[in-house]
Amino acid sequence: MNRTGIGAQIITRGANAFMGSRYCVSGKCSTSFLRRRAIRRVVVTIGANLWGVGMDWYIGVLKKFADFSGRARRKEFWMFILFSLIISIVLSVIDGILGMRAQNGFGLLSGLYSLAVLVPSIAVGVRRLHDRDMTGWFYLLMLVPLANIALIVIFCLEGTRGSNKYGPDPKGIAG
């Protein structure tokens, strides 16, 4: 039941197109609705699983909100930063929609969230520095304009293998 027109796109569907047949546009056939829907479900499921795994890292940091001892893996640190950024953006959009932004541009919800994650952010940063076998006082480099770039690079580097003076390897790899 395929029809093609010269210069015009004619879509012809069979009686059961909704339930799994193919439809064609100018001779080019596409997969059925149900196949596309199944592919979307797989993508959403994978996305939800990734969201769940990342959210576990985020919640893990919040559970250790004032723990400045020990070590934090790169994944733990960067997942926390990623989810904090996503939540901040969403709250900023909500602030804008609800008109809760002050004239300086800061919103009520995003401001409260920033205050709520301030201590956990510092704690996971200090634990990340411990993983590199560095003292947590290096975190103060965040206050120095160009030195904070060096600190971000340090956060990207792999931690020391095996135990160090701050604790065992969070990956469990003996080195």
N, C-alpha and C. Protein backbone atom coordinates (compact mmCIF):
# COMPACT_ATOMS: atom_id res chain seq x y z
N MET A 1 0.82 -1.19 0.00
CA MET A 1 0.00 0.00 0.00
C MET A 1 0.86 1.25 0.00
N ASN A 2 1.98 1.20 -0.61
CA ASN A 2 2.88 2.35 -0.68
C ASN A 2 2.54 3.18 -1.90
N ARG A 3 2.45 4.48 -1.72
CA ARG A 3 2.20 5.39 -2.84
C ARG A 3 3.24 6.48 -2.79
N THR A 4 3.75 6.84 -3.89
CA THR A 4 4.69 7.96 -3.95
C THR A 4 4.17 8.97 -4.94
N GLY A 5 4.41 10.21 -4.65
CA GLY A 5 4.00 11.28 -5.55
C GLY A 5 5.23 12.08 -5.93
N ILE A 6 5.21 12.64 -7.13
CA ILE A 6 6.34 13.42 -7.59
C ILE A 6 6.27 14.80 -6.94
N GLY A 7 7.29 15.12 -6.14
CA GLY A 7 7.36 16.43 -5.49
C GLY A 7 6.46 16.57 -4.29
N ALA A 8 5.63 15.62 -4.02
CA ALA A 8 4.74 15.70 -2.86
C ALA A 8 4.94 14.47 -2.00
N GLN A 9 4.83 14.66 -0.72
CA GLN A 9 4.97 13.53 0.19
C GLN A 9 3.58 13.03 0.54
N ILE A 10 3.35 11.81 0.20
CA ILE A 10 2.05 11.22 0.47
C ILE A 10 2.27 10.09 1.48
N ILE A 11 1.62 10.21 2.58
CA ILE A 11 1.74 9.19 3.61
C ILE A 11 0.56 8.25 3.48
N THR A 12 0.86 6.99 3.32
CA THR A 12 -0.19 5.98 3.22
C THR A 12 0.03 4.97 4.33
N ARG A 13 -0.98 4.76 5.12
CA ARG A 13 -0.89 3.79 6.20
C ARG A 13 -1.94 2.71 5.97
N GLY A 14 -1.57 1.51 6.38
CA GLY A 14 -2.53 0.41 6.32
C GLY A 14 -3.52 0.53 7.46
N ALA A 15 -4.51 -0.32 7.48
CA ALA A 15 -5.53 -0.28 8.52
C ALA A 15 -4.93 -0.58 9.89
N ASN A 16 -3.87 -1.38 9.91
CA ASN A 16 -3.29 -1.74 11.20
C ASN A 16 -1.93 -1.05 11.43
N ALA A 17 -1.76 0.16 10.93
CA ALA A 17 -0.50 0.88 11.06
C ALA A 17 -0.16 1.14 12.52
N PHE A 18 -1.18 1.39 13.32
CA PHE A 18 -0.94 1.68 14.73
C PHE A 18 -0.40 0.46 15.47
N MET A 19 -0.73 -0.72 15.02
CA MET A 19 -0.36 -1.94 15.73
C MET A 19 0.87 -2.62 15.16
N GLY A 20 1.63 -2.01 14.33
CA GLY A 20 2.89 -2.61 13.98
C GLY A 20 3.21 -2.70 12.51
N SER A 21 2.38 -2.21 11.63
CA SER A 21 2.75 -2.25 10.23
C SER A 21 3.67 -1.06 9.93
N ARG A 22 4.12 -0.97 8.73
CA ARG A 22 5.02 0.11 8.34
C ARG A 22 4.23 1.18 7.60
N TYR A 23 4.74 2.40 7.63
CA TYR A 23 4.16 3.44 6.80
C TYR A 23 5.30 4.05 5.99
N CYS A 24 4.92 4.59 4.85
CA CYS A 24 5.93 5.09 3.93
C CYS A 24 5.65 6.54 3.57
N VAL A 25 6.72 7.31 3.43
CA VAL A 25 6.65 8.70 2.98
C VAL A 25 7.49 8.78 1.73
N SER A 26 6.87 9.05 0.60
CA SER A 26 7.56 9.18 -0.69
C SER A 26 8.47 7.98 -0.96
N GLY A 27 7.98 6.81 -0.65
CA GLY A 27 8.73 5.59 -0.95
C GLY A 27 9.72 5.19 0.12
N LYS A 28 9.95 6.03 1.13
CA LYS A 28 10.86 5.69 2.22
C LYS A 28 10.03 5.19 3.38
N CYS A 29 10.22 3.94 3.75
CA CYS A 29 9.42 3.33 4.80
C CYS A 29 10.10 3.50 6.15
N SER A 30 9.28 3.58 7.19
CA SER A 30 9.76 3.78 8.54
C SER A 30 9.27 2.65 9.42
N THR A 31 9.87 2.53 10.59
CA THR A 31 9.42 1.50 11.53
C THR A 31 8.08 1.89 12.10
N SER A 32 7.42 0.95 12.68
CA SER A 32 6.08 1.19 13.19
C SER A 32 6.11 1.98 14.49
N PHE A 33 4.95 2.41 14.86
CA PHE A 33 4.77 3.19 16.08
C PHE A 33 5.23 2.40 17.29
N LEU A 34 4.85 1.15 17.37
CA LEU A 34 5.20 0.34 18.53
C LEU A 34 6.70 0.10 18.62
N ARG A 35 7.38 -0.06 17.49
CA ARG A 35 8.83 -0.24 17.54
C ARG A 35 9.51 1.03 18.03
N ARG A 36 9.07 2.16 17.53
CA ARG A 36 9.65 3.42 17.99
C ARG A 36 9.37 3.63 19.47
N ARG A 37 8.18 3.26 19.90
CA ARG A 37 7.82 3.40 21.31
C ARG A 37 8.68 2.48 22.17
N ALA A 38 8.95 1.27 21.70
CA ALA A 38 9.80 0.34 22.44
C ALA A 38 11.22 0.89 22.55
N ILE A 39 11.71 1.47 21.47
CA ILE A 39 13.05 2.06 21.50
C ILE A 39 13.08 3.21 22.51
N ARG A 40 12.03 4.04 22.52
CA ARG A 40 11.96 5.13 23.49
C ARG A 40 11.95 4.60 24.91
N ARG A 41 11.24 3.50 25.15
CA ARG A 41 11.20 2.92 26.49
C ARG A 41 12.58 2.45 26.92
N VAL A 42 13.32 1.84 26.00
CA VAL A 42 14.67 1.38 26.32
C VAL A 42 15.55 2.57 26.68
N VAL A 43 15.48 3.63 25.90
CA VAL A 43 16.28 4.82 26.15
C VAL A 43 15.90 5.45 27.49
N VAL A 44 14.61 5.55 27.78
CA VAL A 44 14.16 6.11 29.05
C VAL A 44 14.60 5.23 30.21
N THR A 45 14.53 3.92 30.04
CA THR A 45 14.96 3.00 31.09
C THR A 45 16.45 3.15 31.36
N ILE A 46 17.24 3.23 30.30
CA ILE A 46 18.68 3.41 30.48
C ILE A 46 18.94 4.75 31.17
N GLY A 47 18.26 5.80 30.75
CA GLY A 47 18.42 7.11 31.37
C GLY A 47 18.02 7.09 32.84
N ALA A 48 16.91 6.40 33.16
CA ALA A 48 16.48 6.32 34.55
C ALA A 48 17.49 5.54 35.38
N ASN A 49 18.06 4.47 34.81
CA ASN A 49 19.07 3.72 35.54
C ASN A 49 20.31 4.56 35.78
N LEU A 50 20.74 5.32 34.78
CA LEU A 50 21.89 6.19 34.96
C LEU A 50 21.59 7.27 35.99
N TRP A 51 20.37 7.83 35.94
CA TRP A 51 19.96 8.83 36.90
C TRP A 51 19.99 8.23 38.30
N GLY A 52 19.49 7.00 38.43
CA GLY A 52 19.46 6.34 39.73
C GLY A 52 20.86 6.09 40.28
N VAL A 53 21.76 5.63 39.43
CA VAL A 53 23.12 5.36 39.87
C VAL A 53 23.80 6.67 40.27
N GLY A 54 23.66 7.69 39.47
CA GLY A 54 24.25 8.99 39.80
C GLY A 54 23.64 9.57 41.05
N MET A 55 22.35 9.38 41.20
CA MET A 55 21.67 9.91 42.38
C MET A 55 22.15 9.19 43.63
N ASP A 56 22.54 7.93 43.53
CA ASP A 56 23.09 7.21 44.68
C ASP A 56 24.37 7.88 45.16
N TRP A 57 25.22 8.29 44.21
CA TRP A 57 26.45 8.98 44.56
C TRP A 57 26.13 10.31 45.23
N TYR A 58 25.15 11.02 44.70
CA TYR A 58 24.75 12.32 45.24
C TYR A 58 24.24 12.17 46.67
N ILE A 59 23.35 11.23 46.88
CA ILE A 59 22.78 11.02 48.21
C ILE A 59 23.85 10.52 49.18
N GLY A 60 24.79 9.71 48.69
CA GLY A 60 25.88 9.25 49.52
C GLY A 60 26.70 10.42 50.08
N VAL A 61 26.93 11.42 49.26
CA VAL A 61 27.67 12.61 49.73
C VAL A 61 26.83 13.36 50.76
N LEU A 62 25.53 13.48 50.53
CA LEU A 62 24.68 14.18 51.48
C LEU A 62 24.61 13.44 52.82
N LYS A 63 24.69 12.12 52.79
CA LYS A 63 24.69 11.35 54.04
C LYS A 63 25.96 11.59 54.84
N LYS A 64 27.06 11.87 54.15
CA LYS A 64 28.33 12.18 54.82
C LYS A 64 28.57 13.68 54.77
N PHE A 65 27.52 14.47 55.04
CA PHE A 65 27.55 15.91 54.76
C PHE A 65 28.62 16.67 55.53
N ALA A 66 29.02 16.22 56.70
CA ALA A 66 30.03 16.96 57.47
C ALA A 66 31.23 16.07 57.77
N ASP A 67 31.46 15.07 56.96
CA ASP A 67 32.58 14.15 57.15
C ASP A 67 33.76 14.65 56.33
N PHE A 68 34.73 15.24 57.01
CA PHE A 68 35.90 15.80 56.34
C PHE A 68 37.08 14.83 56.38
N SER A 69 36.87 13.63 56.92
CA SER A 69 37.95 12.65 56.97
C SER A 69 37.68 11.56 55.94
N GLY A 70 38.72 10.85 55.58
CA GLY A 70 38.58 9.80 54.59
C GLY A 70 38.86 10.30 53.19
N ARG A 71 38.47 9.48 52.22
CA ARG A 71 38.78 9.77 50.82
C ARG A 71 37.52 9.67 49.97
N ALA A 72 37.48 10.44 48.88
CA ALA A 72 36.36 10.41 47.94
C ALA A 72 36.90 10.15 46.54
N ARG A 73 36.28 9.21 45.86
CA ARG A 73 36.66 8.92 44.47
C ARG A 73 36.29 10.08 43.56
N ARG A 74 36.91 10.08 42.38
CA ARG A 74 36.56 11.08 41.37
C ARG A 74 35.09 11.00 41.02
N LYS A 75 34.59 9.78 40.85
CA LYS A 75 33.20 9.59 40.45
C LYS A 75 32.25 10.17 41.49
N GLU A 76 32.54 9.93 42.76
CA GLU A 76 31.70 10.47 43.82
C GLU A 76 31.68 12.00 43.77
N PHE A 77 32.84 12.59 43.62
CA PHE A 77 32.96 14.05 43.58
C PHE A 77 32.22 14.63 42.38
N TRP A 78 32.52 14.11 41.18
CA TRP A 78 31.95 14.70 39.97
C TRP A 78 30.47 14.41 39.82
N MET A 79 29.98 13.27 40.31
CA MET A 79 28.53 13.01 40.27
C MET A 79 27.80 13.99 41.19
N PHE A 80 28.42 14.26 42.35
CA PHE A 80 27.80 15.24 43.25
C PHE A 80 27.76 16.62 42.59
N ILE A 81 28.86 17.01 41.95
CA ILE A 81 28.90 18.32 41.28
C ILE A 81 27.87 18.36 40.15
N LEU A 82 27.79 17.29 39.36
CA LEU A 82 26.84 17.25 38.24
C LEU A 82 25.40 17.39 38.72
N PHE A 83 25.01 16.59 39.71
CA PHE A 83 23.63 16.64 40.17
C PHE A 83 23.34 17.95 40.89
N SER A 84 24.31 18.51 41.59
CA SER A 84 24.11 19.82 42.21
C SER A 84 23.88 20.88 41.15
N LEU A 85 24.63 20.81 40.06
CA LEU A 85 24.45 21.76 38.97
C LEU A 85 23.07 21.62 38.32
N ILE A 86 22.66 20.38 38.07
CA ILE A 86 21.34 20.14 37.45
C ILE A 86 20.23 20.67 38.36
N ILE A 87 20.32 20.37 39.66
CA ILE A 87 19.29 20.82 40.59
C ILE A 87 19.29 22.34 40.69
N SER A 88 20.47 22.96 40.68
CA SER A 88 20.56 24.42 40.74
C SER A 88 19.92 25.06 39.52
N ILE A 89 20.17 24.49 38.35
CA ILE A 89 19.57 25.04 37.12
C ILE A 89 18.06 24.93 37.16
N VAL A 90 17.56 23.77 37.58
CA VAL A 90 16.10 23.57 37.66
C VAL A 90 15.49 24.55 38.65
N LEU A 91 16.12 24.72 39.80
CA LEU A 91 15.58 25.65 40.80
C LEU A 91 15.66 27.10 40.31
N SER A 92 16.70 27.43 39.56
CA SER A 92 16.79 28.79 39.00
C SER A 92 15.68 29.05 37.99
N VAL A 93 15.37 28.05 37.18
CA VAL A 93 14.26 28.18 36.22
C VAL A 93 12.94 28.35 36.96
N ILE A 94 12.75 27.56 38.02
CA ILE A 94 11.52 27.68 38.81
C ILE A 94 11.45 29.06 39.46
N ASP A 95 12.58 29.54 39.98
CA ASP A 95 12.62 30.91 40.54
C ASP A 95 12.19 31.93 39.50
N GLY A 96 12.69 31.79 38.28
CA GLY A 96 12.34 32.73 37.22
C GLY A 96 10.87 32.65 36.85
N ILE A 97 10.33 31.43 36.78
CA ILE A 97 8.92 31.26 36.41
C ILE A 97 8.01 31.85 37.48
N LEU A 98 8.36 31.60 38.74
CA LEU A 98 7.51 32.07 39.85
C LEU A 98 7.79 33.52 40.22
N GLY A 99 8.78 34.14 39.57
CA GLY A 99 9.10 35.53 39.85
C GLY A 99 9.73 35.74 41.22
N MET A 100 10.49 34.77 41.67
CA MET A 100 11.09 34.84 43.00
C MET A 100 12.56 35.26 42.95
N ARG A 101 12.96 35.88 41.86
CA ARG A 101 14.34 36.37 41.74
C ARG A 101 14.42 37.80 42.24
N ALA A 102 15.51 38.06 42.94
CA ALA A 102 15.77 39.44 43.37
C ALA A 102 16.35 40.22 42.20
N GLN A 103 16.55 41.49 42.37
CA GLN A 103 17.08 42.30 41.28
C GLN A 103 18.53 41.95 40.96
N ASN A 104 19.24 41.35 41.93
CA ASN A 104 20.62 40.95 41.66
C ASN A 104 20.71 39.63 40.89
N GLY A 105 19.57 38.99 40.61
CA GLY A 105 19.54 37.78 39.80
C GLY A 105 19.47 36.49 40.58
N PHE A 106 19.64 36.56 41.90
CA PHE A 106 19.60 35.35 42.70
C PHE A 106 18.17 35.05 43.12
N GLY A 107 17.80 33.77 43.03
CA GLY A 107 16.46 33.36 43.40
C GLY A 107 16.41 32.78 44.79
N LEU A 108 15.23 32.75 45.35
CA LEU A 108 15.04 32.24 46.70
C LEU A 108 15.34 30.75 46.79
N LEU A 109 14.73 29.96 45.90
CA LEU A 109 14.92 28.51 45.96
C LEU A 109 16.36 28.09 45.67
N SER A 110 16.95 28.67 44.64
CA SER A 110 18.32 28.31 44.30
C SER A 110 19.29 28.79 45.38
N GLY A 111 19.01 29.92 46.01
CA GLY A 111 19.84 30.41 47.10
C GLY A 111 19.79 29.50 48.32
N LEU A 112 18.58 29.06 48.67
CA LEU A 112 18.43 28.14 49.80
C LEU A 112 19.13 26.80 49.51
N TYR A 113 19.01 26.34 48.27
CA TYR A 113 19.68 25.09 47.91
C TYR A 113 21.20 25.24 48.00
N SER A 114 21.72 26.37 47.53
CA SER A 114 23.16 26.60 47.59
C SER A 114 23.66 26.59 49.03
N LEU A 115 22.90 27.20 49.92
CA LEU A 115 23.28 27.17 51.33
C LEU A 115 23.19 25.76 51.90
N ALA A 116 22.20 25.00 51.47
CA ALA A 116 22.02 23.64 51.99
C ALA A 116 23.16 22.71 51.58
N VAL A 117 23.72 22.89 50.41
CA VAL A 117 24.78 21.99 49.95
C VAL A 117 26.18 22.59 50.11
N LEU A 118 26.29 23.72 50.79
CA LEU A 118 27.61 24.34 50.97
C LEU A 118 28.55 23.43 51.76
N VAL A 119 28.13 22.97 52.92
CA VAL A 119 29.00 22.12 53.75
C VAL A 119 29.27 20.78 53.06
N PRO A 120 28.26 20.09 52.50
CA PRO A 120 28.59 18.84 51.79
C PRO A 120 29.55 19.05 50.62
N SER A 121 29.44 20.19 49.92
CA SER A 121 30.34 20.47 48.80
C SER A 121 31.78 20.62 49.28
N ILE A 122 31.97 21.33 50.36
CA ILE A 122 33.31 21.50 50.91
C ILE A 122 33.83 20.17 51.42
N ALA A 123 32.98 19.39 52.08
CA ALA A 123 33.41 18.10 52.64
C ALA A 123 33.85 17.14 51.54
N VAL A 124 33.08 17.03 50.46
CA VAL A 124 33.47 16.10 49.40
C VAL A 124 34.72 16.61 48.68
N GLY A 125 34.89 17.92 48.60
CA GLY A 125 36.11 18.48 48.01
C GLY A 125 37.34 18.16 48.85
N VAL A 126 37.20 18.27 50.16
CA VAL A 126 38.31 17.94 51.05
C VAL A 126 38.63 16.45 50.96
N ARG A 127 37.61 15.61 50.95
CA ARG A 127 37.85 14.16 50.82
C ARG A 127 38.48 13.83 49.48
N ARG A 128 38.12 14.58 48.44
CA ARG A 128 38.75 14.36 47.12
C ARG A 128 40.24 14.72 47.17
N LEU A 129 40.57 15.80 47.85
CA LEU A 129 41.97 16.16 48.02
C LEU A 129 42.71 15.10 48.83
N HIS A 130 42.04 14.54 49.84
CA HIS A 130 42.64 13.45 50.61
C HIS A 130 42.95 12.25 49.72
N ASP A 131 42.09 11.99 48.74
CA ASP A 131 42.33 10.88 47.82
C ASP A 131 43.60 11.11 47.00
N ARG A 132 43.94 12.36 46.77
CA ARG A 132 45.18 12.71 46.07
C ARG A 132 46.36 12.81 47.04
N ASP A 133 46.14 12.49 48.31
CA ASP A 133 47.16 12.55 49.37
C ASP A 133 47.58 14.00 49.62
N MET A 134 46.61 14.89 49.61
CA MET A 134 46.85 16.31 49.87
C MET A 134 45.99 16.72 51.06
N THR A 135 46.45 17.71 51.79
CA THR A 135 45.69 18.20 52.92
C THR A 135 44.45 18.96 52.43
N GLY A 136 43.42 18.95 53.25
CA GLY A 136 42.19 19.63 52.90
C GLY A 136 42.31 21.15 52.86
N TRP A 137 43.37 21.68 53.45
CA TRP A 137 43.58 23.13 53.44
C TRP A 137 43.80 23.65 52.02
N PHE A 138 44.19 22.78 51.09
CA PHE A 138 44.34 23.21 49.71
C PHE A 138 43.02 23.66 49.11
N TYR A 139 41.91 23.27 49.74
CA TYR A 139 40.59 23.68 49.25
C TYR A 139 40.43 25.20 49.28
N LEU A 140 41.21 25.87 50.14
CA LEU A 140 41.15 27.33 50.21
C LEU A 140 41.63 27.98 48.92
N LEU A 141 42.30 27.21 48.05
CA LEU A 141 42.71 27.74 46.75
C LEU A 141 41.51 28.14 45.90
N MET A 142 40.32 27.64 46.24
CA MET A 142 39.12 28.03 45.51
C MET A 142 38.86 29.53 45.62
N LEU A 143 39.41 30.15 46.65
CA LEU A 143 39.20 31.58 46.85
C LEU A 143 40.16 32.44 46.02
N VAL A 144 41.22 31.82 45.50
CA VAL A 144 42.23 32.55 44.72
C VAL A 144 41.84 32.43 43.24
N PRO A 145 41.71 33.55 42.53
CA PRO A 145 41.17 33.54 41.17
C PRO A 145 41.80 32.55 40.19
N LEU A 146 43.08 32.50 40.02
CA LEU A 146 43.66 31.59 39.04
C LEU A 146 44.07 30.25 39.64
N ALA A 147 44.28 30.22 40.93
CA ALA A 147 44.66 28.97 41.59
C ALA A 147 43.50 27.98 41.62
N ASN A 148 42.27 28.48 41.55
CA ASN A 148 41.13 27.56 41.56
C ASN A 148 41.10 26.69 40.30
N ILE A 149 41.67 27.17 39.22
CA ILE A 149 41.76 26.35 38.00
C ILE A 149 42.69 25.16 38.24
N ALA A 150 43.80 25.40 38.92
CA ALA A 150 44.72 24.31 39.27
C ALA A 150 44.03 23.31 40.18
N LEU A 151 43.20 23.78 41.08
CA LEU A 151 42.48 22.89 41.99
C LEU A 151 41.48 22.02 41.22
N ILE A 152 40.83 22.59 40.24
CA ILE A 152 39.90 21.81 39.41
C ILE A 152 40.66 20.72 38.65
N VAL A 153 41.85 21.05 38.16
CA VAL A 153 42.68 20.04 37.50
C VAL A 153 43.05 18.93 38.48
N ILE A 154 43.38 19.29 39.70
CA ILE A 154 43.71 18.29 40.73
C ILE A 154 42.52 17.39 40.98
N PHE A 155 41.32 17.96 41.01
CA PHE A 155 40.12 17.15 41.21
C PHE A 155 39.91 16.15 40.07
N CYS A 156 40.42 16.45 38.89
CA CYS A 156 40.26 15.56 37.74
C CYS A 156 41.28 14.41 37.73
N LEU A 157 42.35 14.54 38.45
CA LEU A 157 43.39 13.52 38.45
C LEU A 157 42.98 12.31 39.27
N GLU A 158 43.55 11.17 38.91
CA GLU A 158 43.27 9.94 39.65
C GLU A 158 43.87 10.01 41.04
N GLY A 159 43.21 9.39 42.00
CA GLY A 159 43.70 9.37 43.38
C GLY A 159 44.90 8.45 43.51
N THR A 160 45.57 8.56 44.64
CA THR A 160 46.72 7.69 44.89
C THR A 160 46.24 6.26 45.07
N ARG A 161 47.00 5.33 44.53
CA ARG A 161 46.64 3.91 44.64
C ARG A 161 47.05 3.38 46.01
N GLY A 162 46.22 2.52 46.54
CA GLY A 162 46.51 1.93 47.84
C GLY A 162 46.19 2.90 48.97
N SER A 163 46.54 2.51 50.15
CA SER A 163 46.26 3.34 51.33
C SER A 163 47.20 4.54 51.37
N ASN A 164 46.72 5.61 51.94
CA ASN A 164 47.57 6.75 52.24
C ASN A 164 47.23 7.20 53.65
N LYS A 165 47.77 8.33 54.09
CA LYS A 165 47.59 8.74 55.48
C LYS A 165 46.15 9.13 55.81
N TYR A 166 45.30 9.25 54.78
CA TYR A 166 43.91 9.62 54.99
C TYR A 166 42.96 8.42 54.97
N GLY A 167 43.48 7.24 54.68
CA GLY A 167 42.63 6.06 54.72
C GLY A 167 42.90 5.11 53.56
N PRO A 168 42.12 4.03 53.52
CA PRO A 168 42.29 3.06 52.45
C PRO A 168 41.77 3.59 51.11
N ASP A 169 42.20 2.95 50.04
CA ASP A 169 41.78 3.33 48.69
C ASP A 169 40.27 3.11 48.56
N PRO A 170 39.50 4.14 48.19
CA PRO A 170 38.05 3.96 48.06
C PRO A 170 37.66 2.99 46.95
N LYS A 171 38.56 2.77 45.99
CA LYS A 171 38.29 1.80 44.94
C LYS A 171 38.57 0.38 45.40
N GLY A 172 39.25 0.24 46.52
CA GLY A 172 39.57 -1.08 47.04
C GLY A 172 40.74 -1.73 46.32
N ILE A 173 41.54 -0.96 45.60
CA ILE A 173 42.68 -1.49 44.85
C ILE A 173 43.93 -1.34 45.70
N ALA A 174 44.60 -2.42 45.93
CA ALA A 174 45.87 -2.36 46.66
C ALA A 174 46.96 -1.96 45.70
N GLY A 175 47.82 -1.07 46.12
CA GLY A 175 48.80 -0.60 45.19
C GLY A 175 50.17 -0.83 45.66
